[in-house]
């Protein structure tokens, strides 16, 4: 609430299956 965030979608880029259990 303090940040003024309005619900915009934040995109998280992850290299698939590279680090054990990161995707999960």
PDBML (XML) file of the C-alpha atoms, coordinates in Angstrom:
<?xml version="1.0" encoding="UTF-8" ?>
<PDBx:datablock datablockName="MODEL"
   xmlns:PDBx="http://pdbml.pdb.org/schema/pdbx-v50.xsd"
   xmlns:xsi="http://www.w3.org/2001/XMLSchema-instance"
   xsi:schemaLocation="http://pdbml.pdb.org/schema/pdbx-v50.xsd pdbx-v50.xsd">
   <PDBx:atom_siteCategory>
      <PDBx:atom_site id="1">
         <PDBx:B_iso_or_equiv>0.00</PDBx:B_iso_or_equiv>
         <PDBx:Cartn_x>0.000</PDBx:Cartn_x>
         <PDBx:Cartn_y>0.000</PDBx:Cartn_y>
         <PDBx:Cartn_z>0.000</PDBx:Cartn_z>
         <PDBx:auth_asym_id>A</PDBx:auth_asym_id>
         <PDBx:auth_atom_id>CA</PDBx:auth_atom_id>
         <PDBx:auth_comp_id>UNK</PDBx:auth_comp_id>
         <PDBx:auth_seq_id>1</PDBx:auth_seq_id>
         <PDBx:group_PDB>ATOM</PDBx:group_PDB>
         <PDBx:label_alt_id xsi:nil="true" />
         <PDBx:label_asym_id>A</PDBx:label_asym_id>
         <PDBx:label_atom_id>CA</PDBx:label_atom_id>
         <PDBx:label_comp_id>UNK</PDBx:label_comp_id>
         <PDBx:label_entity_id>1</PDBx:label_entity_id>
         <PDBx:label_seq_id>1</PDBx:label_seq_id>
         <PDBx:occupancy>1.00</PDBx:occupancy>
         <PDBx:pdbx_PDB_model_num>1</PDBx:pdbx_PDB_model_num>
         <PDBx:type_symbol>C</PDBx:type_symbol>
      </PDBx:atom_site>
      <PDBx:atom_site id="2">
         <PDBx:B_iso_or_equiv>0.00</PDBx:B_iso_or_equiv>
         <PDBx:Cartn_x>2.819</PDBx:Cartn_x>
         <PDBx:Cartn_y>2.397</PDBx:Cartn_y>
         <PDBx:Cartn_z>0.885</PDBx:Cartn_z>
         <PDBx:auth_asym_id>A</PDBx:auth_asym_id>
         <PDBx:auth_atom_id>CA</PDBx:auth_atom_id>
         <PDBx:auth_comp_id>UNK</PDBx:auth_comp_id>
         <PDBx:auth_seq_id>2</PDBx:auth_seq_id>
         <PDBx:group_PDB>ATOM</PDBx:group_PDB>
         <PDBx:label_alt_id xsi:nil="true" />
         <PDBx:label_asym_id>A</PDBx:label_asym_id>
         <PDBx:label_atom_id>CA</PDBx:label_atom_id>
         <PDBx:label_comp_id>UNK</PDBx:label_comp_id>
         <PDBx:label_entity_id>1</PDBx:label_entity_id>
         <PDBx:label_seq_id>2</PDBx:label_seq_id>
         <PDBx:occupancy>1.00</PDBx:occupancy>
         <PDBx:pdbx_PDB_model_num>1</PDBx:pdbx_PDB_model_num>
         <PDBx:type_symbol>C</PDBx:type_symbol>
      </PDBx:atom_site>
      <PDBx:atom_site id="3">
         <PDBx:B_iso_or_equiv>0.00</PDBx:B_iso_or_equiv>
         <PDBx:Cartn_x>4.541</PDBx:Cartn_x>
         <PDBx:Cartn_y>1.806</PDBx:Cartn_y>
         <PDBx:Cartn_z>-2.456</PDBx:Cartn_z>
         <PDBx:auth_asym_id>A</PDBx:auth_asym_id>
         <PDBx:auth_atom_id>CA</PDBx:auth_atom_id>
         <PDBx:auth_comp_id>UNK</PDBx:auth_comp_id>
         <PDBx:auth_seq_id>3</PDBx:auth_seq_id>
         <PDBx:group_PDB>ATOM</PDBx:group_PDB>
         <PDBx:label_alt_id xsi:nil="true" />
         <PDBx:label_asym_id>A</PDBx:label_asym_id>
         <PDBx:label_atom_id>CA</PDBx:label_atom_id>
         <PDBx:label_comp_id>UNK</PDBx:label_comp_id>
         <PDBx:label_entity_id>1</PDBx:label_entity_id>
         <PDBx:label_seq_id>3</PDBx:label_seq_id>
         <PDBx:occupancy>1.00</PDBx:occupancy>
         <PDBx:pdbx_PDB_model_num>1</PDBx:pdbx_PDB_model_num>
         <PDBx:type_symbol>C</PDBx:type_symbol>
      </PDBx:atom_site>
      <PDBx:atom_site id="4">
         <PDBx:B_iso_or_equiv>0.00</PDBx:B_iso_or_equiv>
         <PDBx:Cartn_x>1.566</PDBx:Cartn_x>
         <PDBx:Cartn_y>2.935</PDBx:Cartn_y>
         <PDBx:Cartn_z>-4.518</PDBx:Cartn_z>
         <PDBx:auth_asym_id>A</PDBx:auth_asym_id>
         <PDBx:auth_atom_id>CA</PDBx:auth_atom_id>
         <PDBx:auth_comp_id>UNK</PDBx:auth_comp_id>
         <PDBx:auth_seq_id>4</PDBx:auth_seq_id>
         <PDBx:group_PDB>ATOM</PDBx:group_PDB>
         <PDBx:label_alt_id xsi:nil="true" />
         <PDBx:label_asym_id>A</PDBx:label_asym_id>
         <PDBx:label_atom_id>CA</PDBx:label_atom_id>
         <PDBx:label_comp_id>UNK</PDBx:label_comp_id>
         <PDBx:label_entity_id>1</PDBx:label_entity_id>
         <PDBx:label_seq_id>4</PDBx:label_seq_id>
         <PDBx:occupancy>1.00</PDBx:occupancy>
         <PDBx:pdbx_PDB_model_num>1</PDBx:pdbx_PDB_model_num>
         <PDBx:type_symbol>C</PDBx:type_symbol>
      </PDBx:atom_site>
      <PDBx:atom_site id="5">
         <PDBx:B_iso_or_equiv>0.00</PDBx:B_iso_or_equiv>
         <PDBx:Cartn_x>1.658</PDBx:Cartn_x>
         <PDBx:Cartn_y>-0.278</PDBx:Cartn_y>
         <PDBx:Cartn_z>-6.537</PDBx:Cartn_z>
         <PDBx:auth_asym_id>A</PDBx:auth_asym_id>
         <PDBx:auth_atom_id>CA</PDBx:auth_atom_id>
         <PDBx:auth_comp_id>UNK</PDBx:auth_comp_id>
         <PDBx:auth_seq_id>5</PDBx:auth_seq_id>
         <PDBx:group_PDB>ATOM</PDBx:group_PDB>
         <PDBx:label_alt_id xsi:nil="true" />
         <PDBx:label_asym_id>A</PDBx:label_asym_id>
         <PDBx:label_atom_id>CA</PDBx:label_atom_id>
         <PDBx:label_comp_id>UNK</PDBx:label_comp_id>
         <PDBx:label_entity_id>1</PDBx:label_entity_id>
         <PDBx:label_seq_id>5</PDBx:label_seq_id>
         <PDBx:occupancy>1.00</PDBx:occupancy>
         <PDBx:pdbx_PDB_model_num>1</PDBx:pdbx_PDB_model_num>
         <PDBx:type_symbol>C</PDBx:type_symbol>
      </PDBx:atom_site>
      <PDBx:atom_site id="6">
         <PDBx:B_iso_or_equiv>0.00</PDBx:B_iso_or_equiv>
         <PDBx:Cartn_x>-1.451</PDBx:Cartn_x>
         <PDBx:Cartn_y>-0.526</PDBx:Cartn_y>
         <PDBx:Cartn_z>-8.753</PDBx:Cartn_z>
         <PDBx:auth_asym_id>A</PDBx:auth_asym_id>
         <PDBx:auth_atom_id>CA</PDBx:auth_atom_id>
         <PDBx:auth_comp_id>UNK</PDBx:auth_comp_id>
         <PDBx:auth_seq_id>6</PDBx:auth_seq_id>
         <PDBx:group_PDB>ATOM</PDBx:group_PDB>
         <PDBx:label_alt_id xsi:nil="true" />
         <PDBx:label_asym_id>A</PDBx:label_asym_id>
         <PDBx:label_atom_id>CA</PDBx:label_atom_id>
         <PDBx:label_comp_id>UNK</PDBx:label_comp_id>
         <PDBx:label_entity_id>1</PDBx:label_entity_id>
         <PDBx:label_seq_id>6</PDBx:label_seq_id>
         <PDBx:occupancy>1.00</PDBx:occupancy>
         <PDBx:pdbx_PDB_model_num>1</PDBx:pdbx_PDB_model_num>
         <PDBx:type_symbol>C</PDBx:type_symbol>
      </PDBx:atom_site>
      <PDBx:atom_site id="7">
         <PDBx:B_iso_or_equiv>0.00</PDBx:B_iso_or_equiv>
         <PDBx:Cartn_x>-1.465</PDBx:Cartn_x>
         <PDBx:Cartn_y>-4.243</PDBx:Cartn_y>
         <PDBx:Cartn_z>-9.495</PDBx:Cartn_z>
         <PDBx:auth_asym_id>A</PDBx:auth_asym_id>
         <PDBx:auth_atom_id>CA</PDBx:auth_atom_id>
         <PDBx:auth_comp_id>UNK</PDBx:auth_comp_id>
         <PDBx:auth_seq_id>7</PDBx:auth_seq_id>
         <PDBx:group_PDB>ATOM</PDBx:group_PDB>
         <PDBx:label_alt_id xsi:nil="true" />
         <PDBx:label_asym_id>A</PDBx:label_asym_id>
         <PDBx:label_atom_id>CA</PDBx:label_atom_id>
         <PDBx:label_comp_id>UNK</PDBx:label_comp_id>
         <PDBx:label_entity_id>1</PDBx:label_entity_id>
         <PDBx:label_seq_id>7</PDBx:label_seq_id>
         <PDBx:occupancy>1.00</PDBx:occupancy>
         <PDBx:pdbx_PDB_model_num>1</PDBx:pdbx_PDB_model_num>
         <PDBx:type_symbol>C</PDBx:type_symbol>
      </PDBx:atom_site>
      <PDBx:atom_site id="8">
         <PDBx:B_iso_or_equiv>0.00</PDBx:B_iso_or_equiv>
         <PDBx:Cartn_x>0.635</PDBx:Cartn_x>
         <PDBx:Cartn_y>-4.131</PDBx:Cartn_y>
         <PDBx:Cartn_z>-12.673</PDBx:Cartn_z>
         <PDBx:auth_asym_id>A</PDBx:auth_asym_id>
         <PDBx:auth_atom_id>CA</PDBx:auth_atom_id>
         <PDBx:auth_comp_id>UNK</PDBx:auth_comp_id>
         <PDBx:auth_seq_id>8</PDBx:auth_seq_id>
         <PDBx:group_PDB>ATOM</PDBx:group_PDB>
         <PDBx:label_alt_id xsi:nil="true" />
         <PDBx:label_asym_id>A</PDBx:label_asym_id>
         <PDBx:label_atom_id>CA</PDBx:label_atom_id>
         <PDBx:label_comp_id>UNK</PDBx:label_comp_id>
         <PDBx:label_entity_id>1</PDBx:label_entity_id>
         <PDBx:label_seq_id>8</PDBx:label_seq_id>
         <PDBx:occupancy>1.00</PDBx:occupancy>
         <PDBx:pdbx_PDB_model_num>1</PDBx:pdbx_PDB_model_num>
         <PDBx:type_symbol>C</PDBx:type_symbol>
      </PDBx:atom_site>
      <PDBx:atom_site id="9">
         <PDBx:B_iso_or_equiv>0.00</PDBx:B_iso_or_equiv>
         <PDBx:Cartn_x>1.904</PDBx:Cartn_x>
         <PDBx:Cartn_y>-7.514</PDBx:Cartn_y>
         <PDBx:Cartn_z>-13.856</PDBx:Cartn_z>
         <PDBx:auth_asym_id>A</PDBx:auth_asym_id>
         <PDBx:auth_atom_id>CA</PDBx:auth_atom_id>
         <PDBx:auth_comp_id>UNK</PDBx:auth_comp_id>
         <PDBx:auth_seq_id>9</PDBx:auth_seq_id>
         <PDBx:group_PDB>ATOM</PDBx:group_PDB>
         <PDBx:label_alt_id xsi:nil="true" />
         <PDBx:label_asym_id>A</PDBx:label_asym_id>
         <PDBx:label_atom_id>CA</PDBx:label_atom_id>
         <PDBx:label_comp_id>UNK</PDBx:label_comp_id>
         <PDBx:label_entity_id>1</PDBx:label_entity_id>
         <PDBx:label_seq_id>9</PDBx:label_seq_id>
         <PDBx:occupancy>1.00</PDBx:occupancy>
         <PDBx:pdbx_PDB_model_num>1</PDBx:pdbx_PDB_model_num>
         <PDBx:type_symbol>C</PDBx:type_symbol>
      </PDBx:atom_site>
      <PDBx:atom_site id="10">
         <PDBx:B_iso_or_equiv>0.00</PDBx:B_iso_or_equiv>
         <PDBx:Cartn_x>5.557</PDBx:Cartn_x>
         <PDBx:Cartn_y>-8.033</PDBx:Cartn_y>
         <PDBx:Cartn_z>-12.952</PDBx:Cartn_z>
         <PDBx:auth_asym_id>A</PDBx:auth_asym_id>
         <PDBx:auth_atom_id>CA</PDBx:auth_atom_id>
         <PDBx:auth_comp_id>UNK</PDBx:auth_comp_id>
         <PDBx:auth_seq_id>10</PDBx:auth_seq_id>
         <PDBx:group_PDB>ATOM</PDBx:group_PDB>
         <PDBx:label_alt_id xsi:nil="true" />
         <PDBx:label_asym_id>A</PDBx:label_asym_id>
         <PDBx:label_atom_id>CA</PDBx:label_atom_id>
         <PDBx:label_comp_id>UNK</PDBx:label_comp_id>
         <PDBx:label_entity_id>1</PDBx:label_entity_id>
         <PDBx:label_seq_id>10</PDBx:label_seq_id>
         <PDBx:occupancy>1.00</PDBx:occupancy>
         <PDBx:pdbx_PDB_model_num>1</PDBx:pdbx_PDB_model_num>
         <PDBx:type_symbol>C</PDBx:type_symbol>
      </PDBx:atom_site>
      <PDBx:atom_site id="11">
         <PDBx:B_iso_or_equiv>0.00</PDBx:B_iso_or_equiv>
         <PDBx:Cartn_x>7.366</PDBx:Cartn_x>
         <PDBx:Cartn_y>-10.318</PDBx:Cartn_y>
         <PDBx:Cartn_z>-15.402</PDBx:Cartn_z>
         <PDBx:auth_asym_id>A</PDBx:auth_asym_id>
         <PDBx:auth_atom_id>CA</PDBx:auth_atom_id>
         <PDBx:auth_comp_id>UNK</PDBx:auth_comp_id>
         <PDBx:auth_seq_id>11</PDBx:auth_seq_id>
         <PDBx:group_PDB>ATOM</PDBx:group_PDB>
         <PDBx:label_alt_id xsi:nil="true" />
         <PDBx:label_asym_id>A</PDBx:label_asym_id>
         <PDBx:label_atom_id>CA</PDBx:label_atom_id>
         <PDBx:label_comp_id>UNK</PDBx:label_comp_id>
         <PDBx:label_entity_id>1</PDBx:label_entity_id>
         <PDBx:label_seq_id>11</PDBx:label_seq_id>
         <PDBx:occupancy>1.00</PDBx:occupancy>
         <PDBx:pdbx_PDB_model_num>1</PDBx:pdbx_PDB_model_num>
         <PDBx:type_symbol>C</PDBx:type_symbol>
      </PDBx:atom_site>
      <PDBx:atom_site id="12">
         <PDBx:B_iso_or_equiv>0.00</PDBx:B_iso_or_equiv>
         <PDBx:Cartn_x>9.832</PDBx:Cartn_x>
         <PDBx:Cartn_y>-12.833</PDBx:Cartn_y>
         <PDBx:Cartn_z>-13.922</PDBx:Cartn_z>
         <PDBx:auth_asym_id>A</PDBx:auth_asym_id>
         <PDBx:auth_atom_id>CA</PDBx:auth_atom_id>
         <PDBx:auth_comp_id>UNK</PDBx:auth_comp_id>
         <PDBx:auth_seq_id>12</PDBx:auth_seq_id>
         <PDBx:group_PDB>ATOM</PDBx:group_PDB>
         <PDBx:label_alt_id xsi:nil="true" />
         <PDBx:label_asym_id>A</PDBx:label_asym_id>
         <PDBx:label_atom_id>CA</PDBx:label_atom_id>
         <PDBx:label_comp_id>UNK</PDBx:label_comp_id>
         <PDBx:label_entity_id>1</PDBx:label_entity_id>
         <PDBx:label_seq_id>12</PDBx:label_seq_id>
         <PDBx:occupancy>1.00</PDBx:occupancy>
         <PDBx:pdbx_PDB_model_num>1</PDBx:pdbx_PDB_model_num>
         <PDBx:type_symbol>C</PDBx:type_symbol>
      </PDBx:atom_site>
      <PDBx:atom_site id="13">
         <PDBx:B_iso_or_equiv>0.00</PDBx:B_iso_or_equiv>
         <PDBx:Cartn_x>12.262</PDBx:Cartn_x>
         <PDBx:Cartn_y>-14.402</PDBx:Cartn_y>
         <PDBx:Cartn_z>-16.403</PDBx:Cartn_z>
         <PDBx:auth_asym_id>A</PDBx:auth_asym_id>
         <PDBx:auth_atom_id>CA</PDBx:auth_atom_id>
         <PDBx:auth_comp_id>UNK</PDBx:auth_comp_id>
         <PDBx:auth_seq_id>13</PDBx:auth_seq_id>
         <PDBx:group_PDB>ATOM</PDBx:group_PDB>
         <PDBx:label_alt_id xsi:nil="true" />
         <PDBx:label_asym_id>A</PDBx:label_asym_id>
         <PDBx:label_atom_id>CA</PDBx:label_atom_id>
         <PDBx:label_comp_id>UNK</PDBx:label_comp_id>
         <PDBx:label_entity_id>1</PDBx:label_entity_id>
         <PDBx:label_seq_id>13</PDBx:label_seq_id>
         <PDBx:occupancy>1.00</PDBx:occupancy>
         <PDBx:pdbx_PDB_model_num>1</PDBx:pdbx_PDB_model_num>
         <PDBx:type_symbol>C</PDBx:type_symbol>
      </PDBx:atom_site>
      <PDBx:atom_site id="14">
         <PDBx:B_iso_or_equiv>0.00</PDBx:B_iso_or_equiv>
         <PDBx:Cartn_x>13.479</PDBx:Cartn_x>
         <PDBx:Cartn_y>-17.878</PDBx:Cartn_y>
         <PDBx:Cartn_z>-15.387</PDBx:Cartn_z>
         <PDBx:auth_asym_id>A</PDBx:auth_asym_id>
         <PDBx:auth_atom_id>CA</PDBx:auth_atom_id>
         <PDBx:auth_comp_id>UNK</PDBx:auth_comp_id>
         <PDBx:auth_seq_id>14</PDBx:auth_seq_id>
         <PDBx:group_PDB>ATOM</PDBx:group_PDB>
         <PDBx:label_alt_id xsi:nil="true" />
         <PDBx:label_asym_id>A</PDBx:label_asym_id>
         <PDBx:label_atom_id>CA</PDBx:label_atom_id>
         <PDBx:label_comp_id>UNK</PDBx:label_comp_id>
         <PDBx:label_entity_id>1</PDBx:label_entity_id>
         <PDBx:label_seq_id>14</PDBx:label_seq_id>
         <PDBx:occupancy>1.00</PDBx:occupancy>
         <PDBx:pdbx_PDB_model_num>1</PDBx:pdbx_PDB_model_num>
         <PDBx:type_symbol>C</PDBx:type_symbol>
      </PDBx:atom_site>
      <PDBx:atom_site id="15">
         <PDBx:B_iso_or_equiv>0.00</PDBx:B_iso_or_equiv>
         <PDBx:Cartn_x>15.685</PDBx:Cartn_x>
         <PDBx:Cartn_y>-20.245</PDBx:Cartn_y>
         <PDBx:Cartn_z>-17.376</PDBx:Cartn_z>
         <PDBx:auth_asym_id>A</PDBx:auth_asym_id>
         <PDBx:auth_atom_id>CA</PDBx:auth_atom_id>
         <PDBx:auth_comp_id>UNK</PDBx:auth_comp_id>
         <PDBx:auth_seq_id>15</PDBx:auth_seq_id>
         <PDBx:group_PDB>ATOM</PDBx:group_PDB>
         <PDBx:label_alt_id xsi:nil="true" />
         <PDBx:label_asym_id>A</PDBx:label_asym_id>
         <PDBx:label_atom_id>CA</PDBx:label_atom_id>
         <PDBx:label_comp_id>UNK</PDBx:label_comp_id>
         <PDBx:label_entity_id>1</PDBx:label_entity_id>
         <PDBx:label_seq_id>15</PDBx:label_seq_id>
         <PDBx:occupancy>1.00</PDBx:occupancy>
         <PDBx:pdbx_PDB_model_num>1</PDBx:pdbx_PDB_model_num>
         <PDBx:type_symbol>C</PDBx:type_symbol>
      </PDBx:atom_site>
      <PDBx:atom_site id="16">
         <PDBx:B_iso_or_equiv>0.00</PDBx:B_iso_or_equiv>
         <PDBx:Cartn_x>13.633</PDBx:Cartn_x>
         <PDBx:Cartn_y>-23.423</PDBx:Cartn_y>
         <PDBx:Cartn_z>-17.403</PDBx:Cartn_z>
         <PDBx:auth_asym_id>A</PDBx:auth_asym_id>
         <PDBx:auth_atom_id>CA</PDBx:auth_atom_id>
         <PDBx:auth_comp_id>UNK</PDBx:auth_comp_id>
         <PDBx:auth_seq_id>16</PDBx:auth_seq_id>
         <PDBx:group_PDB>ATOM</PDBx:group_PDB>
         <PDBx:label_alt_id xsi:nil="true" />
         <PDBx:label_asym_id>A</PDBx:label_asym_id>
         <PDBx:label_atom_id>CA</PDBx:label_atom_id>
         <PDBx:label_comp_id>UNK</PDBx:label_comp_id>
         <PDBx:label_entity_id>1</PDBx:label_entity_id>
         <PDBx:label_seq_id>16</PDBx:label_seq_id>
         <PDBx:occupancy>1.00</PDBx:occupancy>
         <PDBx:pdbx_PDB_model_num>1</PDBx:pdbx_PDB_model_num>
         <PDBx:type_symbol>C</PDBx:type_symbol>
      </PDBx:atom_site>
      <PDBx:atom_site id="17">
         <PDBx:B_iso_or_equiv>0.00</PDBx:B_iso_or_equiv>
         <PDBx:Cartn_x>14.894</PDBx:Cartn_x>
         <PDBx:Cartn_y>-26.414</PDBx:Cartn_y>
         <PDBx:Cartn_z>-15.369</PDBx:Cartn_z>
         <PDBx:auth_asym_id>A</PDBx:auth_asym_id>
         <PDBx:auth_atom_id>CA</PDBx:auth_atom_id>
         <PDBx:auth_comp_id>UNK</PDBx:auth_comp_id>
         <PDBx:auth_seq_id>17</PDBx:auth_seq_id>
         <PDBx:group_PDB>ATOM</PDBx:group_PDB>
         <PDBx:label_alt_id xsi:nil="true" />
         <PDBx:label_asym_id>A</PDBx:label_asym_id>
         <PDBx:label_atom_id>CA</PDBx:label_atom_id>
         <PDBx:label_comp_id>UNK</PDBx:label_comp_id>
         <PDBx:label_entity_id>1</PDBx:label_entity_id>
         <PDBx:label_seq_id>17</PDBx:label_seq_id>
         <PDBx:occupancy>1.00</PDBx:occupancy>
         <PDBx:pdbx_PDB_model_num>1</PDBx:pdbx_PDB_model_num>
         <PDBx:type_symbol>C</PDBx:type_symbol>
      </PDBx:atom_site>
      <PDBx:atom_site id="18">
         <PDBx:B_iso_or_equiv>0.00</PDBx:B_iso_or_equiv>
         <PDBx:Cartn_x>18.364</PDBx:Cartn_x>
         <PDBx:Cartn_y>-24.936</PDBx:Cartn_y>
         <PDBx:Cartn_z>-14.925</PDBx:Cartn_z>
         <PDBx:auth_asym_id>A</PDBx:auth_asym_id>
         <PDBx:auth_atom_id>CA</PDBx:auth_atom_id>
         <PDBx:auth_comp_id>UNK</PDBx:auth_comp_id>
         <PDBx:auth_seq_id>18</PDBx:auth_seq_id>
         <PDBx:group_PDB>ATOM</PDBx:group_PDB>
         <PDBx:label_alt_id xsi:nil="true" />
         <PDBx:label_asym_id>A</PDBx:label_asym_id>
         <PDBx:label_atom_id>CA</PDBx:label_atom_id>
         <PDBx:label_comp_id>UNK</PDBx:label_comp_id>
         <PDBx:label_entity_id>1</PDBx:label_entity_id>
         <PDBx:label_seq_id>18</PDBx:label_seq_id>
         <PDBx:occupancy>1.00</PDBx:occupancy>
         <PDBx:pdbx_PDB_model_num>1</PDBx:pdbx_PDB_model_num>
         <PDBx:type_symbol>C</PDBx:type_symbol>
      </PDBx:atom_site>
      <PDBx:atom_site id="19">
         <PDBx:B_iso_or_equiv>0.00</PDBx:B_iso_or_equiv>
         <PDBx:Cartn_x>18.559</PDBx:Cartn_x>
         <PDBx:Cartn_y>-24.878</PDBx:Cartn_y>
         <PDBx:Cartn_z>-11.112</PDBx:Cartn_z>
         <PDBx:auth_asym_id>A</PDBx:auth_asym_id>
         <PDBx:auth_atom_id>CA</PDBx:auth_atom_id>
         <PDBx:auth_comp_id>UNK</PDBx:auth_comp_id>
         <PDBx:auth_seq_id>19</PDBx:auth_seq_id>
         <PDBx:group_PDB>ATOM</PDBx:group_PDB>
         <PDBx:label_alt_id xsi:nil="true" />
         <PDBx:label_asym_id>A</PDBx:label_asym_id>
         <PDBx:label_atom_id>CA</PDBx:label_atom_id>
         <PDBx:label_comp_id>UNK</PDBx:label_comp_id>
         <PDBx:label_entity_id>1</PDBx:label_entity_id>
         <PDBx:label_seq_id>19</PDBx:label_seq_id>
         <PDBx:occupancy>1.00</PDBx:occupancy>
         <PDBx:pdbx_PDB_model_num>1</PDBx:pdbx_PDB_model_num>
         <PDBx:type_symbol>C</PDBx:type_symbol>
      </PDBx:atom_site>
      <PDBx:atom_site id="20">
         <PDBx:B_iso_or_equiv>0.00</PDBx:B_iso_or_equiv>
         <PDBx:Cartn_x>17.244</PDBx:Cartn_x>
         <PDBx:Cartn_y>-27.795</PDBx:Cartn_y>
         <PDBx:Cartn_z>-9.090</PDBx:Cartn_z>
         <PDBx:auth_asym_id>A</PDBx:auth_asym_id>
         <PDBx:auth_atom_id>CA</PDBx:auth_atom_id>
         <PDBx:auth_comp_id>UNK</PDBx:auth_comp_id>
         <PDBx:auth_seq_id>20</PDBx:auth_seq_id>
         <PDBx:group_PDB>ATOM</PDBx:group_PDB>
         <PDBx:label_alt_id xsi:nil="true" />
         <PDBx:label_asym_id>A</PDBx:label_asym_id>
         <PDBx:label_atom_id>CA</PDBx:label_atom_id>
         <PDBx:label_comp_id>UNK</PDBx:label_comp_id>
         <PDBx:label_entity_id>1</PDBx:label_entity_id>
         <PDBx:label_seq_id>20</PDBx:label_seq_id>
         <PDBx:occupancy>1.00</PDBx:occupancy>
         <PDBx:pdbx_PDB_model_num>1</PDBx:pdbx_PDB_model_num>
         <PDBx:type_symbol>C</PDBx:type_symbol>
      </PDBx:atom_site>
      <PDBx:atom_site id="21">
         <PDBx:B_iso_or_equiv>0.00</PDBx:B_iso_or_equiv>
         <PDBx:Cartn_x>13.745</PDBx:Cartn_x>
         <PDBx:Cartn_y>-26.987</PDBx:Cartn_y>
         <PDBx:Cartn_z>-7.759</PDBx:Cartn_z>
         <PDBx:auth_asym_id>A</PDBx:auth_asym_id>
         <PDBx:auth_atom_id>CA</PDBx:auth_atom_id>
         <PDBx:auth_comp_id>UNK</PDBx:auth_comp_id>
         <PDBx:auth_seq_id>21</PDBx:auth_seq_id>
         <PDBx:group_PDB>ATOM</PDBx:group_PDB>
         <PDBx:label_alt_id xsi:nil="true" />
         <PDBx:label_asym_id>A</PDBx:label_asym_id>
         <PDBx:label_atom_id>CA</PDBx:label_atom_id>
         <PDBx:label_comp_id>UNK</PDBx:label_comp_id>
         <PDBx:label_entity_id>1</PDBx:label_entity_id>
         <PDBx:label_seq_id>21</PDBx:label_seq_id>
         <PDBx:occupancy>1.00</PDBx:occupancy>
         <PDBx:pdbx_PDB_model_num>1</PDBx:pdbx_PDB_model_num>
         <PDBx:type_symbol>C</PDBx:type_symbol>
      </PDBx:atom_site>
      <PDBx:atom_site id="22">
         <PDBx:B_iso_or_equiv>0.00</PDBx:B_iso_or_equiv>
         <PDBx:Cartn_x>13.897</PDBx:Cartn_x>
         <PDBx:Cartn_y>-23.305</PDBx:Cartn_y>
         <PDBx:Cartn_z>-8.782</PDBx:Cartn_z>
         <PDBx:auth_asym_id>A</PDBx:auth_asym_id>
         <PDBx:auth_atom_id>CA</PDBx:auth_atom_id>
         <PDBx:auth_comp_id>UNK</PDBx:auth_comp_id>
         <PDBx:auth_seq_id>22</PDBx:auth_seq_id>
         <PDBx:group_PDB>ATOM</PDBx:group_PDB>
         <PDBx:label_alt_id xsi:nil="true" />
         <PDBx:label_asym_id>A</PDBx:label_asym_id>
         <PDBx:label_atom_id>CA</PDBx:label_atom_id>
         <PDBx:label_comp_id>UNK</PDBx:label_comp_id>
         <PDBx:label_entity_id>1</PDBx:label_entity_id>
         <PDBx:label_seq_id>22</PDBx:label_seq_id>
         <PDBx:occupancy>1.00</PDBx:occupancy>
         <PDBx:pdbx_PDB_model_num>1</PDBx:pdbx_PDB_model_num>
         <PDBx:type_symbol>C</PDBx:type_symbol>
      </PDBx:atom_site>
      <PDBx:atom_site id="23">
         <PDBx:B_iso_or_equiv>0.00</PDBx:B_iso_or_equiv>
         <PDBx:Cartn_x>10.861</PDBx:Cartn_x>
         <PDBx:Cartn_y>-23.643</PDBx:Cartn_y>
         <PDBx:Cartn_z>-11.046</PDBx:Cartn_z>
         <PDBx:auth_asym_id>A</PDBx:auth_asym_id>
         <PDBx:auth_atom_id>CA</PDBx:auth_atom_id>
         <PDBx:auth_comp_id>UNK</PDBx:auth_comp_id>
         <PDBx:auth_seq_id>23</PDBx:auth_seq_id>
         <PDBx:group_PDB>ATOM</PDBx:group_PDB>
         <PDBx:label_alt_id xsi:nil="true" />
         <PDBx:label_asym_id>A</PDBx:label_asym_id>
         <PDBx:label_atom_id>CA</PDBx:label_atom_id>
         <PDBx:label_comp_id>UNK</PDBx:label_comp_id>
         <PDBx:label_entity_id>1</PDBx:label_entity_id>
         <PDBx:label_seq_id>23</PDBx:label_seq_id>
         <PDBx:occupancy>1.00</PDBx:occupancy>
         <PDBx:pdbx_PDB_model_num>1</PDBx:pdbx_PDB_model_num>
         <PDBx:type_symbol>C</PDBx:type_symbol>
      </PDBx:atom_site>
      <PDBx:atom_site id="24">
         <PDBx:B_iso_or_equiv>0.00</PDBx:B_iso_or_equiv>
         <PDBx:Cartn_x>8.832</PDBx:Cartn_x>
         <PDBx:Cartn_y>-25.268</PDBx:Cartn_y>
         <PDBx:Cartn_z>-8.287</PDBx:Cartn_z>
         <PDBx:auth_asym_id>A</PDBx:auth_asym_id>
         <PDBx:auth_atom_id>CA</PDBx:auth_atom_id>
         <PDBx:auth_comp_id>UNK</PDBx:auth_comp_id>
         <PDBx:auth_seq_id>24</PDBx:auth_seq_id>
         <PDBx:group_PDB>ATOM</PDBx:group_PDB>
         <PDBx:label_alt_id xsi:nil="true" />
         <PDBx:label_asym_id>A</PDBx:label_asym_id>
         <PDBx:label_atom_id>CA</PDBx:label_atom_id>
         <PDBx:label_comp_id>UNK</PDBx:label_comp_id>
         <PDBx:label_entity_id>1</PDBx:label_entity_id>
         <PDBx:label_seq_id>24</PDBx:label_seq_id>
         <PDBx:occupancy>1.00</PDBx:occupancy>
         <PDBx:pdbx_PDB_model_num>1</PDBx:pdbx_PDB_model_num>
         <PDBx:type_symbol>C</PDBx:type_symbol>
      </PDBx:atom_site>
   </PDBx:atom_siteCategory>
</PDBx:datablock>
